[in-house]
Structure formats: C-alpha cells, structure tokens
C-alpha cells in the first residue's frame, strides 16, 4: 500500500513538472505563448498547447516572433538570426548603377553600392555634367559627387521557403551629402532705348553648390543579378554664387541662399556582382 501511495505521489510530481516545464514563444508585441514547440521552420514555427488535443497543431509566422525560450533553458533569438551577416554570405554584395533618366537632364550618372551589414550599405555616385541633353547655348561642363549611408528596412524576411531576402533589398532611409561644380554660359538682357531693342551679353560663370539631404526610397533585387532603385529626398543646400541657376544637376536649389531648400530624386538600374 505504501509503495502504491509513493508511486502515485511521484507520478503526480512528474505530471506537475511536465505541465510547468513548457516552451515559450515571445512575440515581437511582447505576447507570450506557453506551448510545446514542434518545429522551427524557415517561415513558420509549429507548436501545440496542452489545453488542446495533441492532434491540433498551431503555426506562427517567423517574422512575428522575437525569440523562443525552450524548457531546457536554451533561447533562440530569431531577430538576431535575421540580422546575422552569415545568413547572407551566398549573396552578392555590390551593385554598379546607372541613373536611367540622367542623360535627359544634362548629365551621365554612375553609382556604386556596397553592403557593409545586414541592414546597412554605403552608396556613392559620380555625375558627369554636360553628357546628355543640354541647352547648346549654355554648354554646361563639370561634375558632381553624391555619397550616403543607407539604412535598409526589410519587411520581408524570406523571398521563398529556402532563401533569405536579398541583403540589399527593401525600403531605405539614406542621408546624403552632395557637391556639385560646373561652368555654364548665361545670358543677361538689357534694353537699349536708343535702338528700342534688347541687347544681351553672354557670361561664362562657375557654380558650386553643396546639399545635405535625407532620402527615402526602395530597392528591388531580382535573382541576385539585377537591381532597380528609386529615391527622393529633401534637405538643406547652399551655393557659392550670387547668380543662382536653380538646377545643379545633382539637386535643385530653387531659392538659392535666401531659401536654402534642396531637393533631389532619381531612378537607377544596377548590375549586382
């Protein structure tokens, strides 16, 4: 009789400990699910709960989970796993870009982007002013340089069940610094009361402008080979010339130094390598 009572007590303690020793799924919104984790998949986590039949299997998308705390004490932090650079080692990290519409605005722009982390990259662009459709009477010639640090916001963790989304794909915020220098011919008109006609003189001037902008945009990467990016941004700018042409090929500065608002935008196609 004593043995039966002892075995019953031991069984009761084992049952209680089994019920209390559960896995915990901690969601990104801080909600905790006490359960038994069955499978941690690429896109979903499967689990069961004691209050339901063992045949009932629940699933939860991986990108909604912050971490899993197993009954053994081990912790799997999924957010850190997504930001781990090793998960993207098989992906190409560089993009050589061309601004598709730049030639129609009077310049030829080539860019380069390099991934430096799971959510960050560096990007620089060089523009040759005068290569493209320009006013022949103005004949602009010069260069501009744009450099920025891109912070990528990826909503999608996976492209499909077996591959992480590309490390350079997603919405982004990019602070830029841009410097533009070029020479251009401008024309000044004056009225001649003697002849009753306008008289104009041509002046070849040098123009320099700098802008600090915050850009938002999105970059798409297809098959780890081709990229497409659009962006638009605004910020602060200034010019060294009293004669403000407004358009500096890399950005616009419509108000000059009196109202130093700068704006820029672009659409680029790239080769991933």
C-alpha atoms as a PDB file:
ATOM      1  CA  UNK A   1       0.000   0.000   0.000  1.00  0.00           C
ATOM      2  CA  UNK A   2       2.835   2.404   0.907  1.00  0.00           C
ATOM      3  CA  UNK A   3       4.514   1.650  -2.443  1.00  0.00           C
ATOM      4  CA  UNK A   4       1.322   2.491  -4.309  1.00  0.00           C
ATOM      5  CA  UNK A   5       0.964   5.807  -2.465  1.00  0.00           C
ATOM      6  CA  UNK A   6       4.662   6.623  -3.073  1.00  0.00           C
ATOM      7  CA  UNK A   7       4.366   5.858  -6.790  1.00  0.00           C
ATOM      8  CA  UNK A   8       1.226   7.987  -7.011  1.00  0.00           C
ATOM      9  CA  UNK A   9       2.971  10.957  -5.381  1.00  0.00           C
ATOM     10  CA  UNK A  10       5.972  10.600  -7.698  1.00  0.00           C
ATOM     11  CA  UNK A  11       3.685  10.399 -10.730  1.00  0.00           C
ATOM     12  CA  UNK A  12       1.815  13.483  -9.546  1.00  0.00           C
ATOM     13  CA  UNK A  13       5.052  15.483  -9.195  1.00  0.00           C
ATOM     14  CA  UNK A  14       6.213  14.327 -12.618  1.00  0.00           C
ATOM     15  CA  UNK A  15       2.890  15.376 -14.114  1.00  0.00           C
ATOM     16  CA  UNK A  16       3.027  18.804 -12.463  1.00  0.00           C
ATOM     17  CA  UNK A  17       6.618  19.375 -13.548  1.00  0.00           C
ATOM     18  CA  UNK A  18       5.755  18.295 -17.096  1.00  0.00           C
ATOM     19  CA  UNK A  19       2.896  20.795 -17.224  1.00  0.00           C
ATOM     20  CA  UNK A  20       5.008  23.653 -15.809  1.00  0.00           C
ATOM     21  CA  UNK A  21       8.073  22.921 -17.963  1.00  0.00           C
ATOM     22  CA  UNK A  22       6.854  24.291 -21.266  1.00  0.00           C
ATOM     23  CA  UNK A  23       8.412  26.149 -24.147  1.00  0.00           C
ATOM     24  CA  UNK A  24       7.619  29.839 -24.533  1.00  0.00           C
ATOM     25  CA  UNK A  25       7.235  31.787 -27.756  1.00  0.00           C
ATOM     26  CA  UNK A  26       7.782  35.509 -27.169  1.00  0.00           C
ATOM     27  CA  UNK A  27       6.244  37.556 -29.955  1.00  0.00           C
ATOM     28  CA  UNK A  28       7.521  40.961 -31.074  1.00  0.00           C
ATOM     29  CA  UNK A  29       4.499  42.609 -29.457  1.00  0.00           C
ATOM     30  CA  UNK A  30       5.623  41.066 -26.105  1.00  0.00           C
ATOM     31  CA  UNK A  31       2.819  38.489 -26.067  1.00  0.00           C
ATOM     32  CA  UNK A  32       3.964  35.126 -24.623  1.00  0.00           C
ATOM     33  CA  UNK A  33       2.610  31.771 -25.816  1.00  0.00           C
ATOM     34  CA  UNK A  34       3.231  28.824 -23.493  1.00  0.00           C
ATOM     35  CA  UNK A  35       3.365  25.703 -25.598  1.00  0.00           C
ATOM     36  CA  UNK A  36       5.405  22.785 -26.875  1.00  0.00           C
ATOM     37  CA  UNK A  37       7.446  23.785 -29.913  1.00  0.00           C
ATOM     38  CA  UNK A  38       7.253  21.052 -32.513  1.00  0.00           C
ATOM     39  CA  UNK A  39       9.187  22.545 -35.424  1.00  0.00           C
ATOM     40  CA  UNK A  40      11.068  25.758 -36.184  1.00  0.00           C
ATOM     41  CA  UNK A  41      10.710  26.125 -39.936  1.00  0.00           C
ATOM     42  CA  UNK A  42      12.109  28.642 -42.367  1.00  0.00           C
ATOM     43  CA  UNK A  43       8.880  30.658 -42.479  1.00  0.00           C
ATOM     44  CA  UNK A  44       6.737  29.269 -39.660  1.00  0.00           C
ATOM     45  CA  UNK A  45       7.001  27.782 -36.183  1.00  0.00           C
ATOM     46  CA  UNK A  46       4.729  24.848 -35.347  1.00  0.00           C
ATOM     47  CA  UNK A  47       3.594  24.278 -31.769  1.00  0.00           C
ATOM     48  CA  UNK A  48       0.939  22.565 -29.665  1.00  0.00           C
ATOM     49  CA  UNK A  49      -0.781  23.642 -26.451  1.00  0.00           C
ATOM     50  CA  UNK A  50      -1.766  21.400 -23.512  1.00  0.00           C
ATOM     51  CA  UNK A  51      -5.347  22.668 -23.360  1.00  0.00           C
ATOM     52  CA  UNK A  52      -5.984  21.277 -26.827  1.00  0.00           C
ATOM     53  CA  UNK A  53      -5.739  17.805 -28.296  1.00  0.00           C
ATOM     54  CA  UNK A  54      -2.279  16.700 -29.349  1.00  0.00           C
ATOM     55  CA  UNK A  55      -3.573  16.436 -32.904  1.00  0.00           C
ATOM     56  CA  UNK A  56      -4.135  20.222 -33.038  1.00  0.00           C
ATOM     57  CA  UNK A  57      -1.029  21.932 -34.417  1.00  0.00           C
ATOM     58  CA  UNK A  58      -0.754  25.727 -34.447  1.00  0.00           C
ATOM     59  CA  UNK A  59       1.557  27.769 -36.694  1.00  0.00           C
ATOM     60  CA  UNK A  60       3.014  31.245 -36.299  1.00  0.00           C
ATOM     61  CA  UNK A  61       4.947  33.262 -38.888  1.00  0.00           C
ATOM     62  CA  UNK A  62       8.639  33.555 -38.032  1.00  0.00           C
ATOM     63  CA  UNK A  63       8.766  37.301 -38.668  1.00  0.00           C
ATOM     64  CA  UNK A  64       6.258  37.848 -35.816  1.00  0.00           C
ATOM     65  CA  UNK A  65       8.494  36.112 -33.266  1.00  0.00           C
ATOM     66  CA  UNK A  66      11.231  37.757 -31.223  1.00  0.00           C
ATOM     67  CA  UNK A  67      12.564  34.625 -29.506  1.00  0.00           C
ATOM     68  CA  UNK A  68      11.770  31.093 -28.341  1.00  0.00           C
ATOM     69  CA  UNK A  69      12.571  30.066 -24.766  1.00  0.00           C
ATOM     70  CA  UNK A  70      12.816  26.283 -24.574  1.00  0.00           C
ATOM     71  CA  UNK A  71      12.043  24.292 -21.430  1.00  0.00           C
ATOM     72  CA  UNK A  72      15.709  23.252 -21.334  1.00  0.00           C
ATOM     73  CA  UNK A  73      16.712  26.861 -20.747  1.00  0.00           C
ATOM     74  CA  UNK A  74      18.084  27.489 -24.229  1.00  0.00           C
ATOM     75  CA  UNK A  75      16.932  30.646 -26.029  1.00  0.00           C
ATOM     76  CA  UNK A  76      16.650  31.047 -29.806  1.00  0.00           C
ATOM     77  CA  UNK A  77      16.546  34.741 -30.752  1.00  0.00           C
ATOM     78  CA  UNK A  78      15.094  34.907 -34.245  1.00  0.00           C
ATOM     79  CA  UNK A  79      15.544  38.670 -34.699  1.00  0.00           C
ATOM     80  CA  UNK A  80      19.321  38.279 -34.261  1.00  0.00           C
ATOM     81  CA  UNK A  81      19.264  35.408 -36.709  1.00  0.00           C
ATOM     82  CA  UNK A  82      17.701  37.611 -39.409  1.00  0.00           C
ATOM     83  CA  UNK A  83      20.313  40.336 -38.926  1.00  0.00           C
ATOM     84  CA  UNK A  84      23.220  37.900 -38.925  1.00  0.00           C
ATOM     85  CA  UNK A  85      25.547  38.615 -41.846  1.00  0.00           C
ATOM     86  CA  UNK A  86      26.394  34.923 -42.155  1.00  0.00           C
ATOM     87  CA  UNK A  87      22.855  34.244 -43.396  1.00  0.00           C
ATOM     88  CA  UNK A  88      23.606  36.336 -46.486  1.00  0.00           C
ATOM     89  CA  UNK A  89      27.093  35.039 -47.276  1.00  0.00           C
ATOM     90  CA  UNK A  90      25.989  33.441 -50.537  1.00  0.00           C
ATOM     91  CA  UNK A  91      24.626  36.740 -51.851  1.00  0.00           C
ATOM     92  CA  UNK A  92      26.466  39.292 -53.961  1.00  0.00           C
ATOM     93  CA  UNK A  93      27.232  42.458 -52.004  1.00  0.00           C
ATOM     94  CA  UNK A  94      27.961  45.093 -54.696  1.00  0.00           C
ATOM     95  CA  UNK A  95      25.817  46.957 -57.222  1.00  0.00           C
ATOM     96  CA  UNK A  96      27.031  49.056 -60.155  1.00  0.00           C
ATOM     97  CA  UNK A  97      24.280  51.509 -61.114  1.00  0.00           C
ATOM     98  CA  UNK A  98      23.253  53.887 -63.879  1.00  0.00           C
ATOM     99  CA  UNK A  99      20.698  56.689 -63.491  1.00  0.00           C
ATOM    100  CA  UNK A 100      18.302  55.978 -66.362  1.00  0.00           C
ATOM    101  CA  UNK A 101      16.875  59.492 -66.681  1.00  0.00           C
ATOM    102  CA  UNK A 102      20.088  61.436 -66.016  1.00  0.00           C
ATOM    103  CA  UNK A 103      21.047  61.876 -69.718  1.00  0.00           C
ATOM    104  CA  UNK A 104      17.713  63.612 -70.316  1.00  0.00           C
ATOM    105  CA  UNK A 105      18.585  66.164 -67.627  1.00  0.00           C
ATOM    106  CA  UNK A 106      22.060  67.035 -68.866  1.00  0.00           C
ATOM    107  CA  UNK A 107      24.387  64.561 -67.136  1.00  0.00           C
ATOM    108  CA  UNK A 108      25.625  60.987 -67.042  1.00  0.00           C
ATOM    109  CA  UNK A 109      25.494  59.404 -63.580  1.00  0.00           C
ATOM    110  CA  UNK A 110      27.125  56.183 -62.449  1.00  0.00           C
ATOM    111  CA  UNK A 111      26.829  54.814 -58.913  1.00  0.00           C
ATOM    112  CA  UNK A 112      28.272  52.110 -56.686  1.00  0.00           C
ATOM    113  CA  UNK A 113      26.764  50.486 -53.607  1.00  0.00           C
ATOM    114  CA  UNK A 114      28.460  48.126 -51.142  1.00  0.00           C
ATOM    115  CA  UNK A 115      26.739  46.179 -48.350  1.00  0.00           C
ATOM    116  CA  UNK A 116      28.535  46.587 -45.014  1.00  0.00           C
ATOM    117  CA  UNK A 117      25.987  44.903 -42.730  1.00  0.00           C
ATOM    118  CA  UNK A 118      22.683  43.043 -42.816  1.00  0.00           C
ATOM    119  CA  UNK A 119      20.763  46.335 -42.779  1.00  0.00           C
ATOM    120  CA  UNK A 120      23.286  48.921 -43.934  1.00  0.00           C
ATOM    121  CA  UNK A 121      25.247  49.860 -47.033  1.00  0.00           C
ATOM    122  CA  UNK A 122      27.344  52.684 -48.439  1.00  0.00           C
ATOM    123  CA  UNK A 123      26.484  54.304 -51.756  1.00  0.00           C
ATOM    124  CA  UNK A 124      28.368  56.825 -53.881  1.00  0.00           C
ATOM    125  CA  UNK A 125      27.520  58.383 -57.260  1.00  0.00           C
ATOM    126  CA  UNK A 126      29.549  60.365 -59.766  1.00  0.00           C
ATOM    127  CA  UNK A 127      27.878  62.599 -62.340  1.00  0.00           C
ATOM    128  CA  UNK A 128      29.499  63.999 -65.470  1.00  0.00           C
ATOM    129  CA  UNK A 129      27.707  67.263 -66.196  1.00  0.00           C
ATOM    130  CA  UNK A 130      27.319  68.061 -69.890  1.00  0.00           C
ATOM    131  CA  UNK A 131      26.964  64.462 -71.108  1.00  0.00           C
ATOM    132  CA  UNK A 132      23.347  64.385 -72.105  1.00  0.00           C
ATOM    133  CA  UNK A 133      20.603  66.619 -73.409  1.00  0.00           C
ATOM    134  CA  UNK A 134      21.574  70.220 -72.618  1.00  0.00           C
ATOM    135  CA  UNK A 135      20.989  73.710 -73.898  1.00  0.00           C
ATOM    136  CA  UNK A 136      23.717  74.207 -76.508  1.00  0.00           C
ATOM    137  CA  UNK A 137      23.864  77.929 -75.758  1.00  0.00           C
ATOM    138  CA  UNK A 138      24.629  77.216 -72.095  1.00  0.00           C
ATOM    139  CA  UNK A 139      27.126  74.385 -72.740  1.00  0.00           C
ATOM    140  CA  UNK A 140      27.470  73.199 -69.097  1.00  0.00           C
ATOM    141  CA  UNK A 141      30.519  71.181 -68.057  1.00  0.00           C
ATOM    142  CA  UNK A 142      31.507  69.815 -64.657  1.00  0.00           C
ATOM    143  CA  UNK A 143      30.958  67.042 -62.128  1.00  0.00           C
ATOM    144  CA  UNK A 144      29.000  66.203 -59.010  1.00  0.00           C
ATOM    145  CA  UNK A 145      29.599  63.664 -56.254  1.00  0.00           C
ATOM    146  CA  UNK A 146      26.930  62.195 -54.007  1.00  0.00           C
ATOM    147  CA  UNK A 147      27.677  59.909 -51.033  1.00  0.00           C
ATOM    148  CA  UNK A 148      25.316  58.383 -48.499  1.00  0.00           C
ATOM    149  CA  UNK A 149      24.887  55.806 -45.748  1.00  0.00           C
ATOM    150  CA  UNK A 150      21.829  53.662 -46.434  1.00  0.00           C
ATOM    151  CA  UNK A 151      19.726  52.112 -43.658  1.00  0.00           C
ATOM    152  CA  UNK A 152      17.608  49.292 -45.103  1.00  0.00           C
ATOM    153  CA  UNK A 153      14.216  48.380 -43.666  1.00  0.00           C
ATOM    154  CA  UNK A 154      13.268  44.886 -44.836  1.00  0.00           C
ATOM    155  CA  UNK A 155       9.703  43.811 -44.080  1.00  0.00           C
ATOM    156  CA  UNK A 156      10.131  40.524 -45.869  1.00  0.00           C
ATOM    157  CA  UNK A 157      12.485  38.087 -44.166  1.00  0.00           C
ATOM    158  CA  UNK A 158      12.331  35.499 -46.928  1.00  0.00           C
ATOM    159  CA  UNK A 159      11.865  35.562 -50.683  1.00  0.00           C
ATOM    160  CA  UNK A 160      10.693  31.966 -50.548  1.00  0.00           C
ATOM    161  CA  UNK A 161      10.839  28.987 -48.243  1.00  0.00           C
ATOM    162  CA  UNK A 162      14.547  28.413 -48.757  1.00  0.00           C
ATOM    163  CA  UNK A 163      16.185  31.806 -49.281  1.00  0.00           C
ATOM    164  CA  UNK A 164      16.546  34.950 -47.221  1.00  0.00           C
ATOM    165  CA  UNK A 165      15.501  38.113 -48.999  1.00  0.00           C
ATOM    166  CA  UNK A 166      18.482  39.873 -50.569  1.00  0.00           C
ATOM    167  CA  UNK A 167      20.629  41.872 -48.166  1.00  0.00           C
ATOM    168  CA  UNK A 168      20.343  44.999 -50.371  1.00  0.00           C
ATOM    169  CA  UNK A 169      16.601  44.760 -50.987  1.00  0.00           C
ATOM    170  CA  UNK A 170      13.945  46.820 -49.230  1.00  0.00           C
ATOM    171  CA  UNK A 171      12.786  50.269 -48.229  1.00  0.00           C
ATOM    172  CA  UNK A 172      15.574  52.542 -47.045  1.00  0.00           C
ATOM    173  CA  UNK A 173      16.478  55.850 -45.456  1.00  0.00           C
ATOM    174  CA  UNK A 174      19.690  57.402 -46.740  1.00  0.00           C
ATOM    175  CA  UNK A 175      21.324  60.620 -45.522  1.00  0.00           C
ATOM    176  CA  UNK A 176      23.333  62.128 -48.401  1.00  0.00           C
ATOM    177  CA  UNK A 177      25.973  64.770 -48.887  1.00  0.00           C
ATOM    178  CA  UNK A 178      26.200  66.143 -52.420  1.00  0.00           C
ATOM    179  CA  UNK A 179      28.703  68.520 -54.011  1.00  0.00           C
ATOM    180  CA  UNK A 180      28.232  69.955 -57.490  1.00  0.00           C
ATOM    181  CA  UNK A 181      30.644  72.101 -59.510  1.00  0.00           C
ATOM    182  CA  UNK A 182      30.278  73.203 -63.133  1.00  0.00           C
ATOM    183  CA  UNK A 183      30.742  76.096 -65.520  1.00  0.00           C
ATOM    184  CA  UNK A 184      27.943  77.361 -67.731  1.00  0.00           C
ATOM    185  CA  UNK A 185      27.198  80.225 -70.090  1.00  0.00           C
ATOM    186  CA  UNK A 186      24.367  82.508 -69.053  1.00  0.00           C
ATOM    187  CA  UNK A 187      22.842  85.439 -70.887  1.00  0.00           C
ATOM    188  CA  UNK A 188      21.860  88.842 -69.499  1.00  0.00           C
ATOM    189  CA  UNK A 189      19.433  91.037 -71.379  1.00  0.00           C
ATOM    190  CA  UNK A 190      19.296  94.825 -71.184  1.00  0.00           C
ATOM    191  CA  UNK A 191      17.010  97.210 -73.004  1.00  0.00           C
ATOM    192  CA  UNK A 192      18.663  99.756 -75.326  1.00  0.00           C
ATOM    193  CA  UNK A 193      16.389 102.834 -75.501  1.00  0.00           C
ATOM    194  CA  UNK A 194      18.298 104.244 -78.500  1.00  0.00           C
ATOM    195  CA  UNK A 195      17.615 101.288 -80.763  1.00  0.00           C
ATOM    196  CA  UNK A 196      14.467 100.178 -78.966  1.00  0.00           C
ATOM    197  CA  UNK A 197      15.807  96.618 -78.903  1.00  0.00           C
ATOM    198  CA  UNK A 198      17.059  94.209 -76.261  1.00  0.00           C
ATOM    199  CA  UNK A 199      20.782  93.734 -76.013  1.00  0.00           C
ATOM    200  CA  UNK A 200      22.261  90.631 -74.439  1.00  0.00           C
ATOM    201  CA  UNK A 201      25.708  89.663 -73.288  1.00  0.00           C
ATOM    202  CA  UNK A 202      26.982  86.155 -72.567  1.00  0.00           C
ATOM    203  CA  UNK A 203      28.862  85.375 -69.376  1.00  0.00           C
ATOM    204  CA  UNK A 204      30.700  82.148 -68.580  1.00  0.00           C
ATOM    205  CA  UNK A 205      30.253  81.530 -64.862  1.00  0.00           C
ATOM    206  CA  UNK A 206      31.359  78.932 -62.330  1.00  0.00           C
ATOM    207  CA  UNK A 207      28.791  77.410 -59.988  1.00  0.00           C
ATOM    208  CA  UNK A 208      29.294  75.414 -56.822  1.00  0.00           C
ATOM    209  CA  UNK A 209      26.636  74.013 -54.535  1.00  0.00           C
ATOM    210  CA  UNK A 210      26.505  71.619 -51.594  1.00  0.00           C
ATOM    211  CA  UNK A 211      23.449  69.879 -50.180  1.00  0.00           C
ATOM    212  CA  UNK A 212      22.671  67.732 -47.135  1.00  0.00           C
ATOM    213  CA  UNK A 213      19.541  65.665 -47.724  1.00  0.00           C
ATOM    214  CA  UNK A 214      17.514  62.842 -46.200  1.00  0.00           C
ATOM    215  CA  UNK A 215      16.282  60.412 -48.846  1.00  0.00           C
ATOM    216  CA  UNK A 216      13.665  57.696 -48.754  1.00  0.00           C
ATOM    217  CA  UNK A 217      13.197  55.035 -51.389  1.00  0.00           C
ATOM    218  CA  UNK A 218      13.092  51.375 -52.203  1.00  0.00           C
ATOM    219  CA  UNK A 219      15.469  48.995 -53.914  1.00  0.00           C
ATOM    220  CA  UNK A 220      14.468  45.777 -55.676  1.00  0.00           C
ATOM    221  CA  UNK A 221      16.902  42.943 -56.387  1.00  0.00           C
ATOM    222  CA  UNK A 222      15.971  40.269 -58.917  1.00  0.00           C
ATOM    223  CA  UNK A 223      17.637  36.849 -58.944  1.00  0.00           C
ATOM    224  CA  UNK A 224      20.750  38.187 -57.186  1.00  0.00           C
ATOM    225  CA  UNK A 225      21.688  39.762 -60.540  1.00  0.00           C
ATOM    226  CA  UNK A 226      19.732  42.930 -61.389  1.00  0.00           C
ATOM    227  CA  UNK A 227      18.644  45.848 -59.197  1.00  0.00           C
ATOM    228  CA  UNK A 228      16.268  48.768 -59.529  1.00  0.00           C
ATOM    229  CA  UNK A 229      16.108  51.721 -57.130  1.00  0.00           C
ATOM    230  CA  UNK A 230      14.006  54.848 -56.789  1.00  0.00           C
ATOM    231  CA  UNK A 231      14.524  57.594 -54.254  1.00  0.00           C
ATOM    232  CA  UNK A 232      13.512  61.127 -53.395  1.00  0.00           C
ATOM    233  CA  UNK A 233      14.865  63.447 -50.750  1.00  0.00           C
ATOM    234  CA  UNK A 234      14.994  66.966 -49.392  1.00  0.00           C
ATOM    235  CA  UNK A 235      17.140  68.958 -47.034  1.00  0.00           C
ATOM    236  CA  UNK A 236      19.453  71.957 -46.756  1.00  0.00           C
ATOM    237  CA  UNK A 237      21.648  73.406 -49.502  1.00  0.00           C
ATOM    238  CA  UNK A 238      23.685  76.460 -50.404  1.00  0.00           C
ATOM    239  CA  UNK A 239      25.501  77.939 -53.393  1.00  0.00           C
ATOM    240  CA  UNK A 240      28.693  79.947 -53.640  1.00  0.00           C
ATOM    241  CA  UNK A 241      27.396  82.099 -56.499  1.00  0.00           C
ATOM    242  CA  UNK A 242      25.129  85.128 -56.250  1.00  0.00           C
ATOM    243  CA  UNK A 243      23.669  84.083 -59.587  1.00  0.00           C
ATOM    244  CA  UNK A 244      21.592  81.003 -58.741  1.00  0.00           C
ATOM    245  CA  UNK A 245      20.690  78.790 -61.725  1.00  0.00           C
ATOM    246  CA  UNK A 246      18.366  76.728 -59.514  1.00  0.00           C
ATOM    247  CA  UNK A 247      19.292  73.372 -61.029  1.00  0.00           C
ATOM    248  CA  UNK A 248      22.675  71.912 -60.115  1.00  0.00           C
ATOM    249  CA  UNK A 249      22.252  68.601 -61.998  1.00  0.00           C
ATOM    250  CA  UNK A 250      22.525  66.560 -58.783  1.00  0.00           C
ATOM    251  CA  UNK A 251      19.842  68.547 -56.928  1.00  0.00           C
ATOM    252  CA  UNK A 252      17.728  71.633 -57.185  1.00  0.00           C
ATOM    253  CA  UNK A 253      18.087  74.752 -55.059  1.00  0.00           C
ATOM    254  CA  UNK A 254      15.215  76.949 -56.276  1.00  0.00           C
ATOM    255  CA  UNK A 255      15.512  79.644 -53.607  1.00  0.00           C
ATOM    256  CA  UNK A 256      19.286  79.937 -53.535  1.00  0.00           C
ATOM    257  CA  UNK A 257      20.816  81.053 -50.262  1.00  0.00           C
ATOM    258  CA  UNK A 258      17.738  83.128 -49.428  1.00  0.00           C
ATOM    259  CA  UNK A 259      15.650  79.979 -49.011  1.00  0.00           C
ATOM    260  CA  UNK A 260      18.176  77.097 -48.833  1.00  0.00           C
ATOM    261  CA  UNK A 261      15.801  74.226 -49.546  1.00  0.00           C
ATOM    262  CA  UNK A 262      17.345  71.383 -51.597  1.00  0.00           C
ATOM    263  CA  UNK A 263      15.524  68.602 -53.420  1.00  0.00           C
ATOM    264  CA  UNK A 264      16.749  65.562 -55.344  1.00  0.00           C
ATOM    265  CA  UNK A 265      15.342  62.361 -56.860  1.00  0.00           C
ATOM    266  CA  UNK A 266      16.426  59.528 -59.105  1.00  0.00           C
ATOM    267  CA  UNK A 267      15.722  56.144 -60.668  1.00  0.00           C
ATOM    268  CA  UNK A 268      18.659  53.769 -61.090  1.00  0.00           C
ATOM    269  CA  UNK A 269      19.198  50.372 -62.681  1.00  0.00           C
ATOM    270  CA  UNK A 270      22.070  48.211 -61.498  1.00  0.00           C
ATOM    271  CA  UNK A 271      24.144  45.102 -62.033  1.00  0.00           C
ATOM    272  CA  UNK A 272      24.628  43.033 -58.872  1.00  0.00           C
ATOM    273  CA  UNK A 273      28.056  41.404 -58.531  1.00  0.00           C
END
